[in-house]
Amino acid sequence: MRPIIDKTWGNFYLSFNPNIDFVFTGNEKGAGLAPQIKSVYTINKVYGLGFEYYGSLGTFKKIFPFGQQEHLLGPAIDLYFHPKWEINAGFLFGLTDNSNQRVFKLLLGKRVGKG
């Protein structure tokens, strides 16, 4: 489940996703918390520059010690070339030994519904 709590102030956008992960097999089986935070400043309604954070804290039965959690942070860019389409790219750096140390992400998004 990925609920999104977000707010826009002029050109500045901030979102918090208190994601709930479900692991069905293995030692870490169960539901856990994997929060995400995004902040973006949009320029000319075409480019957005910001930072993104991704974490994985463990299961609800056992929140891991900080060093065993995953925490990633890095710069990101959003491109809005069409009102219904968005491209998001980022380069994230692991903040703990248990994190992936470098992640390049690229997302293509399409708005659905009215508007």
PDB file of N, CA and C in Angstrom:
ATOM      1  N   MET A   1       0.859  -1.176   0.000  1.00  0.00           N
ATOM      2  CA  MET A   1       0.000   0.000   0.000  1.00  0.00           C
ATOM      3  C   MET A   1       0.897   1.228   0.000  1.00  0.00           C
ATOM      4  N   ARG A   2       0.516   2.203  -0.831  1.00  0.00           N
ATOM      5  CA  ARG A   2       1.347   3.390  -0.977  1.00  0.00           C
ATOM      6  C   ARG A   2       0.510   4.657  -0.863  1.00  0.00           C
ATOM      7  N   PRO A   3       0.040   4.997   0.321  1.00  0.00           N
ATOM      8  CA  PRO A   3      -0.675   6.269   0.448  1.00  0.00           C
ATOM      9  C   PRO A   3       0.302   7.427   0.252  1.00  0.00           C
ATOM     10  N   ILE A   4      -0.183   8.525  -0.308  1.00  0.00           N
ATOM     11  CA  ILE A   4       0.661   9.702  -0.526  1.00  0.00           C
ATOM     12  C   ILE A   4       0.025  10.889   0.184  1.00  0.00           C
ATOM     13  N   ILE A   5       0.810  11.529   1.030  1.00  0.00           N
ATOM     14  CA  ILE A   5       0.415  12.769   1.691  1.00  0.00           C
ATOM     15  C   ILE A   5       1.289  13.844   1.067  1.00  0.00           C
ATOM     16  N   ASP A   6       0.667  14.800   0.352  1.00  0.00           N
ATOM     17  CA  ASP A   6       1.481  15.795  -0.339  1.00  0.00           C
ATOM     18  C   ASP A   6       0.869  17.182  -0.259  1.00  0.00           C
ATOM     19  N   LYS A   7       1.715  18.164  -0.553  1.00  0.00           N
ATOM     20  CA  LYS A   7       1.296  19.561  -0.514  1.00  0.00           C
ATOM     21  C   LYS A   7       2.155  20.342  -1.493  1.00  0.00           C
ATOM     22  N   THR A   8       1.528  21.293  -2.190  1.00  0.00           N
ATOM     23  CA  THR A   8       2.236  22.191  -3.098  1.00  0.00           C
ATOM     24  C   THR A   8       2.089  23.616  -2.595  1.00  0.00           C
ATOM     25  N   TRP A   9       3.202  24.345  -2.518  1.00  0.00           N
ATOM     26  CA  TRP A   9       3.225  25.763  -2.169  1.00  0.00           C
ATOM     27  C   TRP A   9       3.907  26.490  -3.317  1.00  0.00           C
ATOM     28  N   GLY A  10       3.120  27.079  -4.212  1.00  0.00           N
ATOM     29  CA  GLY A  10       3.712  27.745  -5.379  1.00  0.00           C
ATOM     30  C   GLY A  10       4.475  26.735  -6.224  1.00  0.00           C
ATOM     31  N   ASN A  11       5.782  26.936  -6.362  1.00  0.00           N
ATOM     32  CA  ASN A  11       6.620  26.039  -7.159  1.00  0.00           C
ATOM     33  C   ASN A  11       7.223  24.898  -6.339  1.00  0.00           C
ATOM     34  N   PHE A  12       6.999  24.883  -5.042  1.00  0.00           N
ATOM     35  CA  PHE A  12       7.600  23.870  -4.170  1.00  0.00           C
ATOM     36  C   PHE A  12       6.596  22.758  -3.879  1.00  0.00           C
ATOM     37  N   TYR A  13       7.044  21.519  -4.001  1.00  0.00           N
ATOM     38  CA  TYR A  13       6.210  20.343  -3.761  1.00  0.00           C
ATOM     39  C   TYR A  13       6.896  19.452  -2.733  1.00  0.00           C
ATOM     40  N   LEU A  14       6.112  18.924  -1.788  1.00  0.00           N
ATOM     41  CA  LEU A  14       6.624  18.015  -0.774  1.00  0.00           C
ATOM     42  C   LEU A  14       5.642  16.864  -0.623  1.00  0.00           C
ATOM     43  N   SER A  15       6.174  15.625  -0.613  1.00  0.00           N
ATOM     44  CA  SER A  15       5.302  14.470  -0.403  1.00  0.00           C
ATOM     45  C   SER A  15       5.938  13.507   0.580  1.00  0.00           C
ATOM     46  N   PHE A  16       5.081  12.806   1.303  1.00  0.00           N
ATOM     47  CA  PHE A  16       5.485  11.768   2.241  1.00  0.00           C
ATOM     48  C   PHE A  16       4.639  10.538   1.949  1.00  0.00           C
ATOM     49  N   ASN A  17       5.291   9.411   1.726  1.00  0.00           N
ATOM     50  CA  ASN A  17       4.606   8.153   1.458  1.00  0.00           C
ATOM     51  C   ASN A  17       4.967   7.172   2.572  1.00  0.00           C
ATOM     52  N   PRO A  18       4.077   6.971   3.547  1.00  0.00           N
ATOM     53  CA  PRO A  18       4.365   5.988   4.607  1.00  0.00           C
ATOM     54  C   PRO A  18       4.022   4.575   4.123  1.00  0.00           C
ATOM     55  N   ASN A  19       4.817   4.076   3.164  1.00  0.00           N
ATOM     56  CA  ASN A  19       4.528   2.805   2.498  1.00  0.00           C
ATOM     57  C   ASN A  19       4.530   1.626   3.456  1.00  0.00           C
ATOM     58  N   ILE A  20       3.635   0.687   3.194  1.00  0.00           N
ATOM     59  CA  ILE A  20       3.608  -0.578   3.918  1.00  0.00           C
ATOM     60  C   ILE A  20       4.013  -1.663   2.931  1.00  0.00           C
ATOM     61  N   ASP A  21       5.126  -2.344   3.232  1.00  0.00           N
ATOM     62  CA  ASP A  21       5.622  -3.447   2.405  1.00  0.00           C
ATOM     63  C   ASP A  21       5.085  -4.762   2.934  1.00  0.00           C
ATOM     64  N   PHE A  22       4.848  -5.693   2.023  1.00  0.00           N
ATOM     65  CA  PHE A  22       4.435  -7.045   2.401  1.00  0.00           C
ATOM     66  C   PHE A  22       5.456  -8.028   1.850  1.00  0.00           C
ATOM     67  N   VAL A  23       6.094  -8.802   2.741  1.00  0.00           N
ATOM     68  CA  VAL A  23       7.042  -9.839   2.346  1.00  0.00           C
ATOM     69  C   VAL A  23       6.376 -11.175   2.656  1.00  0.00           C
ATOM     70  N   PHE A  24       6.283 -12.037   1.644  1.00  0.00           N
ATOM     71  CA  PHE A  24       5.521 -13.274   1.787  1.00  0.00           C
ATOM     72  C   PHE A  24       6.371 -14.502   2.093  1.00  0.00           C
ATOM     73  N   THR A  25       7.688 -14.434   1.878  1.00  0.00           N
ATOM     74  CA  THR A  25       8.547 -15.587   2.142  1.00  0.00           C
ATOM     75  C   THR A  25       9.845 -15.133   2.798  1.00  0.00           C
ATOM     76  N   GLY A  26      10.577 -16.084   3.383  1.00  0.00           N
ATOM     77  CA  GLY A  26      11.891 -15.795   3.949  1.00  0.00           C
ATOM     78  C   GLY A  26      11.843 -15.392   5.414  1.00  0.00           C
ATOM     79  N   ASN A  27      13.015 -15.035   5.936  1.00  0.00           N
ATOM     80  CA  ASN A  27      13.150 -14.692   7.352  1.00  0.00           C
ATOM     81  C   ASN A  27      12.423 -13.408   7.742  1.00  0.00           C
ATOM     82  N   GLU A  28      12.268 -12.500   6.795  1.00  0.00           N
ATOM     83  CA  GLU A  28      11.654 -11.197   7.098  1.00  0.00           C
ATOM     84  C   GLU A  28      10.183 -11.157   6.697  1.00  0.00           C
ATOM     85  N   LYS A  29       9.520 -12.315   6.693  1.00  0.00           N
ATOM     86  CA  LYS A  29       8.120 -12.403   6.280  1.00  0.00           C
ATOM     87  C   LYS A  29       7.246 -11.540   7.177  1.00  0.00           C
ATOM     88  N   GLY A  30       6.329 -10.800   6.556  1.00  0.00           N
ATOM     89  CA  GLY A  30       5.401  -9.960   7.304  1.00  0.00           C
ATOM     90  C   GLY A  30       5.261  -8.589   6.674  1.00  0.00           C
ATOM     91  N   ALA A  31       4.547  -7.710   7.345  1.00  0.00           N
ATOM     92  CA  ALA A  31       4.338  -6.338   6.877  1.00  0.00           C
ATOM     93  C   ALA A  31       5.341  -5.424   7.567  1.00  0.00           C
ATOM     94  N   GLY A  32       5.829  -4.454   6.812  1.00  0.00           N
ATOM     95  CA  GLY A  32       6.810  -3.532   7.363  1.00  0.00           C
ATOM     96  C   GLY A  32       6.635  -2.126   6.833  1.00  0.00           C
ATOM     97  N   LEU A  33       7.451  -1.231   7.326  1.00  0.00           N
ATOM     98  CA  LEU A  33       7.364   0.187   6.984  1.00  0.00           C
ATOM     99  C   LEU A  33       8.533   0.574   6.075  1.00  0.00           C
ATOM    100  N   ALA A  34       8.217   1.194   4.931  1.00  0.00           N
ATOM    101  CA  ALA A  34       9.223   1.631   3.953  1.00  0.00           C
ATOM    102  C   ALA A  34       8.890   3.055   3.508  1.00  0.00           C
ATOM    103  N   PRO A  35       9.201   4.055   4.334  1.00  0.00           N
ATOM    104  CA  PRO A  35       8.799   5.436   4.024  1.00  0.00           C
ATOM    105  C   PRO A  35       9.582   6.033   2.854  1.00  0.00           C
ATOM    106  N   GLN A  36       8.945   6.995   2.189  1.00  0.00           N
ATOM    107  CA  GLN A  36       9.568   7.765   1.117  1.00  0.00           C
ATOM    108  C   GLN A  36       9.214   9.239   1.305  1.00  0.00           C
ATOM    109  N   ILE A  37      10.167  10.099   0.977  1.00  0.00           N
ATOM    110  CA  ILE A  37       9.946  11.549   1.036  1.00  0.00           C
ATOM    111  C   ILE A  37      10.492  12.148  -0.255  1.00  0.00           C
ATOM    112  N   LYS A  38       9.764  13.102  -0.809  1.00  0.00           N
ATOM    113  CA  LYS A  38      10.192  13.782  -2.026  1.00  0.00           C
ATOM    114  C   LYS A  38       9.976  15.273  -1.863  1.00  0.00           C
ATOM    115  N   SER A  39      10.981  16.060  -2.225  1.00  0.00           N
ATOM    116  CA  SER A  39      10.824  17.509  -2.272  1.00  0.00           C
ATOM    117  C   SER A  39      11.327  17.984  -3.634  1.00  0.00           C
ATOM    118  N   VAL A  40      10.547  18.867  -4.251  1.00  0.00           N
ATOM    119  CA  VAL A  40      10.864  19.325  -5.607  1.00  0.00           C
ATOM    120  C   VAL A  40      10.541  20.811  -5.733  1.00  0.00           C
ATOM    121  N   TYR A  41      11.410  21.520  -6.427  1.00  0.00           N
ATOM    122  CA  TYR A  41      11.127  22.895  -6.814  1.00  0.00           C
ATOM    123  C   TYR A  41      10.996  22.925  -8.336  1.00  0.00           C
ATOM    124  N   THR A  42       9.838  23.368  -8.847  1.00  0.00           N
ATOM    125  CA  THR A  42       9.553  23.353 -10.280  1.00  0.00           C
ATOM    126  C   THR A  42       9.902  24.695 -10.910  1.00  0.00           C
ATOM    127  N   ILE A  43      10.562  24.614 -12.072  1.00  0.00           N
ATOM    128  CA  ILE A  43      11.001  25.797 -12.807  1.00  0.00           C
ATOM    129  C   ILE A  43      10.262  25.836 -14.137  1.00  0.00           C
ATOM    130  N   ASN A  44       9.564  26.952 -14.399  1.00  0.00           N
ATOM    131  CA  ASN A  44       8.839  27.165 -15.662  1.00  0.00           C
ATOM    132  C   ASN A  44       7.832  26.062 -15.973  1.00  0.00           C
ATOM    133  N   LYS A  45       7.326  25.374 -14.977  1.00  0.00           N
ATOM    134  CA  LYS A  45       6.340  24.302 -15.130  1.00  0.00           C
ATOM    135  C   LYS A  45       6.824  23.167 -16.038  1.00  0.00           C
ATOM    136  N   VAL A  46       8.140  23.072 -16.254  1.00  0.00           N
ATOM    137  CA  VAL A  46       8.696  22.059 -17.145  1.00  0.00           C
ATOM    138  C   VAL A  46       9.713  21.170 -16.427  1.00  0.00           C
ATOM    139  N   TYR A  47      10.527  21.750 -15.544  1.00  0.00           N
ATOM    140  CA  TYR A  47      11.594  21.018 -14.861  1.00  0.00           C
ATOM    141  C   TYR A  47      11.391  21.089 -13.353  1.00  0.00           C
ATOM    142  N   GLY A  48      11.614  20.002 -12.694  1.00  0.00           N
ATOM    143  CA  GLY A  48      11.572  19.984 -11.239  1.00  0.00           C
ATOM    144  C   GLY A  48      12.879  19.445 -10.700  1.00  0.00           C
ATOM    145  N   LEU A  49      13.517  20.188  -9.790  1.00  0.00           N
ATOM    146  CA  LEU A  49      14.766  19.763  -9.171  1.00  0.00           C
ATOM    147  C   LEU A  49      14.531  19.535  -7.690  1.00  0.00           C
ATOM    148  N   GLY A  50      15.038  18.422  -7.168  1.00  0.00           N
ATOM    149  CA  GLY A  50      14.800  18.165  -5.758  1.00  0.00           C
ATOM    150  C   GLY A  50      15.605  17.010  -5.215  1.00  0.00           C
ATOM    151  N   PHE A  51      15.138  16.496  -4.080  1.00  0.00           N
ATOM    152  CA  PHE A  51      15.757  15.364  -3.405  1.00  0.00           C
ATOM    153  C   PHE A  51      14.703  14.323  -3.078  1.00  0.00           C
ATOM    154  N   GLU A  52      15.135  13.072  -3.055  1.00  0.00           N
ATOM    155  CA  GLU A  52      14.243  11.979  -2.671  1.00  0.00           C
ATOM    156  C   GLU A  52      14.928  11.109  -1.626  1.00  0.00           C
ATOM    157  N   TYR A  53      14.114  10.551  -0.733  1.00  0.00           N
ATOM    158  CA  TYR A  53      14.590   9.649   0.313  1.00  0.00           C
ATOM    159  C   TYR A  53      13.755   8.371   0.256  1.00  0.00           C
ATOM    160  N   TYR A  54      14.406   7.232   0.386  1.00  0.00           N
ATOM    161  CA  TYR A  54      13.734   5.941   0.457  1.00  0.00           C
ATOM    162  C   TYR A  54      14.297   5.184   1.650  1.00  0.00           C
ATOM    163  N   GLY A  55      13.420   4.562   2.425  1.00  0.00           N
ATOM    164  CA  GLY A  55      13.871   3.787   3.569  1.00  0.00           C
ATOM    165  C   GLY A  55      13.162   2.448   3.661  1.00  0.00           C
ATOM    166  N   SER A  56      13.757   1.550   4.411  1.00  0.00           N
ATOM    167  CA  SER A  56      13.141   0.276   4.752  1.00  0.00           C
ATOM    168  C   SER A  56      13.552  -0.019   6.187  1.00  0.00           C
ATOM    169  N   LEU A  57      12.579   0.015   7.104  1.00  0.00           N
ATOM    170  CA  LEU A  57      12.884  -0.007   8.535  1.00  0.00           C
ATOM    171  C   LEU A  57      12.773  -1.372   9.173  1.00  0.00           C
ATOM    172  N   GLY A  58      12.187  -2.336   8.479  1.00  0.00           N
ATOM    173  CA  GLY A  58      11.962  -3.661   9.044  1.00  0.00           C
ATOM    174  C   GLY A  58      10.476  -3.958   9.091  1.00  0.00           C
ATOM    175  N   THR A  59      10.118  -5.024   9.804  1.00  0.00           N
ATOM    176  CA  THR A  59       8.707  -5.410   9.905  1.00  0.00           C
ATOM    177  C   THR A  59       8.068  -4.718  11.103  1.00  0.00           C
ATOM    178  N   PHE A  60       6.750  -4.772  11.154  1.00  0.00           N
ATOM    179  CA  PHE A  60       6.068  -4.198  12.312  1.00  0.00           C
ATOM    180  C   PHE A  60       6.343  -5.014  13.573  1.00  0.00           C
ATOM    181  N   LYS A  61       6.680  -6.298  13.396  1.00  0.00           N
ATOM    182  CA  LYS A  61       7.037  -7.136  14.540  1.00  0.00           C
ATOM    183  C   LYS A  61       8.437  -6.829  15.043  1.00  0.00           C
ATOM    184  N   LYS A  62       9.324  -6.406  14.115  1.00  0.00           N
ATOM    185  CA  LYS A  62      10.705  -6.133  14.500  1.00  0.00           C
ATOM    186  C   LYS A  62      11.271  -5.004  13.643  1.00  0.00           C
ATOM    187  N   ILE A  63      11.338  -3.801  14.213  1.00  0.00           N
ATOM    188  CA  ILE A  63      12.023  -2.698  13.552  1.00  0.00           C
ATOM    189  C   ILE A  63      13.519  -2.928  13.773  1.00  0.00           C
ATOM    190  N   PHE A  64      14.281  -2.928  12.702  1.00  0.00           N
ATOM    191  CA  PHE A  64      15.707  -3.224  12.788  1.00  0.00           C
ATOM    192  C   PHE A  64      16.477  -2.082  13.437  1.00  0.00           C
ATOM    193  N   PRO A  65      17.646  -2.380  14.028  1.00  0.00           N
ATOM    194  CA  PRO A  65      18.547  -1.301  14.460  1.00  0.00           C
ATOM    195  C   PRO A  65      18.942  -0.462  13.246  1.00  0.00           C
ATOM    196  N   PHE A  66      19.289   0.793  13.456  1.00  0.00           N
ATOM    197  CA  PHE A  66      19.549   1.729  12.361  1.00  0.00           C
ATOM    198  C   PHE A  66      20.534   1.169  11.345  1.00  0.00           C
ATOM    199  N   GLY A  67      21.618   0.558  11.769  1.00  0.00           N
ATOM    200  CA  GLY A  67      22.631   0.042  10.861  1.00  0.00           C
ATOM    201  C   GLY A  67      22.141  -1.084   9.971  1.00  0.00           C
ATOM    202  N   GLN A  68      21.055  -1.753  10.345  1.00  0.00           N
ATOM    203  CA  GLN A  68      20.498  -2.838   9.540  1.00  0.00           C
ATOM    204  C   GLN A  68      19.353  -2.367   8.641  1.00  0.00           C
ATOM    205  N   GLN A  69      18.945  -1.133   8.804  1.00  0.00           N
ATOM    206  CA  GLN A  69      17.884  -0.573   7.967  1.00  0.00           C
ATOM    207  C   GLN A  69      18.479  -0.093   6.643  1.00  0.00           C
ATOM    208  N   GLU A  70      17.597   0.138   5.665  1.00  0.00           N
ATOM    209  CA  GLU A  70      18.018   0.743   4.408  1.00  0.00           C
ATOM    210  C   GLU A  70      17.584   2.198   4.395  1.00  0.00           C
ATOM    211  N   HIS A  71      18.533   3.080   4.061  1.00  0.00           N
ATOM    212  CA  HIS A  71      18.245   4.503   3.924  1.00  0.00           C
ATOM    213  C   HIS A  71      18.995   5.002   2.695  1.00  0.00           C
ATOM    214  N   LEU A  72      18.261   5.568   1.741  1.00  0.00           N
ATOM    215  CA  LEU A  72      18.861   6.099   0.515  1.00  0.00           C
ATOM    216  C   LEU A  72      18.398   7.536   0.318  1.00  0.00           C
ATOM    217  N   LEU A  73      19.302   8.387  -0.139  1.00  0.00           N
ATOM    218  CA  LEU A  73      19.006   9.801  -0.342  1.00  0.00           C
ATOM    219  C   LEU A  73      19.756  10.268  -1.578  1.00  0.00           C
ATOM    220  N   GLY A  74      19.124  11.142  -2.366  1.00  0.00           N
ATOM    221  CA  GLY A  74      19.833  11.669  -3.514  1.00  0.00           C
ATOM    222  C   GLY A  74      19.050  12.690  -4.306  1.00  0.00           C
ATOM    223  N   PRO A  75      19.732  13.343  -5.245  1.00  0.00           N
ATOM    224  CA  PRO A  75      19.091  14.339  -6.093  1.00  0.00           C
ATOM    225  C   PRO A  75      18.196  13.677  -7.131  1.00  0.00           C
ATOM    226  N   ALA A  76      17.182  14.410  -7.555  1.00  0.00           N
ATOM    227  CA  ALA A  76      16.245  13.904  -8.555  1.00  0.00           C
ATOM    228  C   ALA A  76      15.807  15.046  -9.458  1.00  0.00           C
ATOM    229  N   ILE A  77      15.348  14.680 -10.635  1.00  0.00           N
ATOM    230  CA  ILE A  77      14.819  15.655 -11.581  1.00  0.00           C
ATOM    231  C   ILE A  77      13.491  15.136 -12.125  1.00  0.00           C
ATOM    232  N   ASP A  78      12.528  16.015 -12.263  1.00  0.00           N
ATOM    233  CA  ASP A  78      11.249  15.700 -12.899  1.00  0.00           C
ATOM    234  C   ASP A  78      11.160  16.524 -14.176  1.00  0.00           C
ATOM    235  N   LEU A  79      10.653  15.907 -15.228  1.00  0.00           N
ATOM    236  CA  LEU A  79      10.444  16.592 -16.502  1.00  0.00           C
ATOM    237  C   LEU A  79       8.974  16.479 -16.865  1.00  0.00           C
ATOM    238  N   TYR A  80       8.332  17.624 -17.098  1.00  0.00           N
ATOM    239  CA  TYR A  80       6.902  17.682 -17.419  1.00  0.00           C
ATOM    240  C   TYR A  80       6.744  18.227 -18.842  1.00  0.00           C
ATOM    241  N   PHE A  81       6.880  17.355 -19.837  1.00  0.00           N
ATOM    242  CA  PHE A  81       6.801  17.799 -21.224  1.00  0.00           C
ATOM    243  C   PHE A  81       5.386  17.779 -21.762  1.00  0.00           C
ATOM    244  N   HIS A  82       4.453  17.190 -21.039  1.00  0.00           N
ATOM    245  CA  HIS A  82       3.055  17.102 -21.444  1.00  0.00           C
ATOM    246  C   HIS A  82       2.229  17.080 -20.163  1.00  0.00           C
ATOM    247  N   PRO A  83       1.039  17.691 -20.128  1.00  0.00           N
ATOM    248  CA  PRO A  83       0.241  17.734 -18.892  1.00  0.00           C
ATOM    249  C   PRO A  83      -0.096  16.360 -18.310  1.00  0.00           C
ATOM    250  N   LYS A  84      -0.125  15.317 -19.128  1.00  0.00           N
ATOM    251  CA  LYS A  84      -0.488  13.989 -18.623  1.00  0.00           C
ATOM    252  C   LYS A  84       0.718  13.075 -18.388  1.00  0.00           C
ATOM    253  N   TRP A  85       1.933  13.517 -18.739  1.00  0.00           N
ATOM    254  CA  TRP A  85       3.107  12.654 -18.642  1.00  0.00           C
ATOM    255  C   TRP A  85       4.198  13.303 -17.789  1.00  0.00           C
ATOM    256  N   GLU A  86       4.939  12.461 -17.074  1.00  0.00           N
ATOM    257  CA  GLU A  86       6.045  12.931 -16.240  1.00  0.00           C
ATOM    258  C   GLU A  86       7.186  11.921 -16.323  1.00  0.00           C
ATOM    259  N   ILE A  87       8.402  12.423 -16.413  1.00  0.00           N
ATOM    260  CA  ILE A  87       9.600  11.586 -16.321  1.00  0.00           C
ATOM    261  C   ILE A  87      10.320  11.990 -15.042  1.00  0.00           C
ATOM    262  N   ASN A  88      10.685  10.997 -14.235  1.00  0.00           N
ATOM    263  CA  ASN A  88      11.390  11.239 -12.975  1.00  0.00           C
ATOM    264  C   ASN A  88      12.656  10.402 -12.972  1.00  0.00           C
ATOM    265  N   ALA A  89      13.789  11.032 -12.692  1.00  0.00           N
ATOM    266  CA  ALA A  89      15.060  10.315 -12.615  1.00  0.00           C
ATOM    267  C   ALA A  89      15.799  10.776 -11.365  1.00  0.00           C
ATOM    268  N   GLY A  90      16.578   9.870 -10.795  1.00  0.00           N
ATOM    269  CA  GLY A  90      17.351  10.219  -9.618  1.00  0.00           C
ATOM    270  C   GLY A  90      18.543   9.295  -9.441  1.00  0.00           C
ATOM    271  N   PHE A  91      19.509   9.778  -8.681  1.00  0.00           N
ATOM    272  CA  PHE A  91      20.683   8.979  -8.331  1.00  0.00           C
ATOM    273  C   PHE A  91      20.771   8.993  -6.815  1.00  0.00           C
ATOM    274  N   LEU A  92      20.534   7.830  -6.209  1.00  0.00           N
ATOM    275  CA  LEU A  92      20.436   7.722  -4.759  1.00  0.00           C
ATOM    276  C   LEU A  92      21.690   7.069  -4.190  1.00  0.00           C
ATOM    277  N   PHE A  93      22.086   7.519  -3.004  1.00  0.00           N
ATOM    278  CA  PHE A  93      23.256   7.009  -2.308  1.00  0.00           C
ATOM    279  C   PHE A  93      22.821   6.339  -1.005  1.00  0.00           C
ATOM    280  N   GLY A  94      23.364   5.167  -0.725  1.00  0.00           N
ATOM    281  CA  GLY A  94      23.058   4.460   0.512  1.00  0.00           C
ATOM    282  C   GLY A  94      23.692   5.147   1.703  1.00  0.00           C
ATOM    283  N   LEU A  95      22.924   5.284   2.777  1.00  0.00           N
ATOM    284  CA  LEU A  95      23.411   5.947   3.984  1.00  0.00           C
ATOM    285  C   LEU A  95      23.816   4.961   5.069  1.00  0.00           C
ATOM    286  N   THR A  96      23.491   3.685   4.902  1.00  0.00           N
ATOM    287  CA  THR A  96      23.887   2.645   5.849  1.00  0.00           C
ATOM    288  C   THR A  96      24.555   1.511   5.073  1.00  0.00           C
ATOM    289  N   ASP A  97      25.329   0.682   5.772  1.00  0.00           N
ATOM    290  CA  ASP A  97      26.009  -0.440   5.119  1.00  0.00           C
ATOM    291  C   ASP A  97      25.020  -1.422   4.504  1.00  0.00           C
ATOM    292  N   ASN A  98      23.832  -1.550   5.082  1.00  0.00           N
ATOM    293  CA  ASN A  98      22.838  -2.503   4.596  1.00  0.00           C
ATOM    294  C   ASN A  98      22.065  -1.991   3.375  1.00  0.00           C
ATOM    295  N   SER A  99      22.255  -0.719   3.017  1.00  0.00           N
ATOM    296  CA  SER A  99      21.566  -0.127   1.869  1.00  0.00           C
ATOM    297  C   SER A  99      22.279  -0.487   0.576  1.00  0.00           C
ATOM    298  N   ASN A 100      21.529  -0.495  -0.537  1.00  0.00           N
ATOM    299  CA  ASN A 100      22.193  -0.466  -1.833  1.00  0.00           C
ATOM    300  C   ASN A 100      22.985   0.830  -1.860  1.00  0.00           C
ATOM    301  N   GLN A 101      24.219   0.796  -2.298  1.00  0.00           N
ATOM    302  CA  GLN A 101      25.081   1.973  -2.162  1.00  0.00           C
ATOM    303  C   GLN A 101      24.885   3.022  -3.246  1.00  0.00           C
ATOM    304  N   ARG A 102      24.496   2.608  -4.437  1.00  0.00           N
ATOM    305  CA  ARG A 102      24.220   3.559  -5.511  1.00  0.00           C
ATOM    306  C   ARG A 102      23.070   3.008  -6.353  1.00  0.00           C
ATOM    307  N   VAL A 103      22.042   3.835  -6.531  1.00  0.00           N
ATOM    308  CA  VAL A 103      20.879   3.410  -7.312  1.00  0.00           C
ATOM    309  C   VAL A 103      20.516   4.524  -8.281  1.00  0.00           C
ATOM    310  N   PHE A 104      20.428   4.188  -9.553  1.00  0.00           N
ATOM    311  CA  PHE A 104      19.883   5.109 -10.545  1.00  0.00           C
ATOM    312  C   PHE A 104      18.450   4.684 -10.798  1.00  0.00           C
ATOM    313  N   LYS A 105      17.512   5.620 -10.702  1.00  0.00           N
ATOM    314  CA  LYS A 105      16.106   5.286 -10.928  1.00  0.00           C
ATOM    315  C   LYS A 105      15.557   6.159 -12.037  1.00  0.00           C
ATOM    316  N   LEU A 106      14.667   5.573 -12.823  1.00  0.00           N
ATOM    317  CA  LEU A 106      14.018   6.268 -13.921  1.00  0.00           C
ATOM    318  C   LEU A 106      12.571   5.807 -13.974  1.00  0.00           C
ATOM    319  N   LEU A 107      11.650   6.740 -13.841  1.00  0.00           N
ATOM    320  CA  LEU A 107      10.226   6.423 -13.843  1.00  0.00           C
ATOM    321  C   LEU A 107       9.517   7.235 -14.917  1.00  0.00           C
ATOM    322  N   LEU A 108       8.577   6.592 -15.583  1.00  0.00           N
ATOM    323  CA  LEU A 108       7.704   7.275 -16.532  1.00  0.00           C
ATOM    324  C   LEU A 108       6.304   7.194 -15.966  1.00  0.00           C
ATOM    325  N   GLY A 109       5.676   8.340 -15.729  1.00  0.00           N
ATOM    326  CA  GLY A 109       4.344   8.373 -15.143  1.00  0.00           C
ATOM    327  C   GLY A 109       3.324   8.998 -16.061  1.00  0.00           C
ATOM    328  N   LYS A 110       2.088   8.494 -15.981  1.00  0.00           N
ATOM    329  CA  LYS A 110       0.978   9.035 -16.755  1.00  0.00           C
ATOM    330  C   LYS A 110      -0.184   9.310 -15.814  1.00  0.00           C
ATOM    331  N   ARG A 111      -0.725  10.514 -15.891  1.00  0.00           N
ATOM    332  CA  ARG A 111      -1.898  10.855 -15.096  1.00  0.00           C
ATOM    333  C   ARG A 111      -3.126  10.241 -15.749  1.00  0.00           C
ATOM    334  N   VAL A 112      -4.028   9.727 -14.928  1.00  0.00           N
ATOM    335  CA  VAL A 112      -5.254   9.133 -15.438  1.00  0.00           C
ATOM    336  C   VAL A 112      -6.452   9.900 -14.890  1.00  0.00           C
ATOM    337  N   GLY A 113      -7.583   9.761 -15.555  1.00  0.00           N
ATOM    338  CA  GLY A 113      -8.801  10.424 -15.097  1.00  0.00           C
ATOM    339  C   GLY A 113      -8.941  11.792 -15.726  1.00  0.00           C
ATOM    340  N   LYS A 114      -9.800  12.604 -15.100  1.00  0.00           N
ATOM    341  CA  LYS A 114     -10.083  13.954 -15.605  1.00  0.00           C
ATOM    342  C   LYS A 114      -8.866  14.846 -15.472  1.00  0.00           C
ATOM    343  N   GLY A 115      -8.839  15.874 -16.309  1.00  0.00           N
ATOM    344  CA  GLY A 115      -7.802  16.882 -16.180  1.00  0.00           C
ATOM    345  C   GLY A 115      -6.766  16.874 -17.167  1.00  0.00           C
TER     346      GLY A 115
END
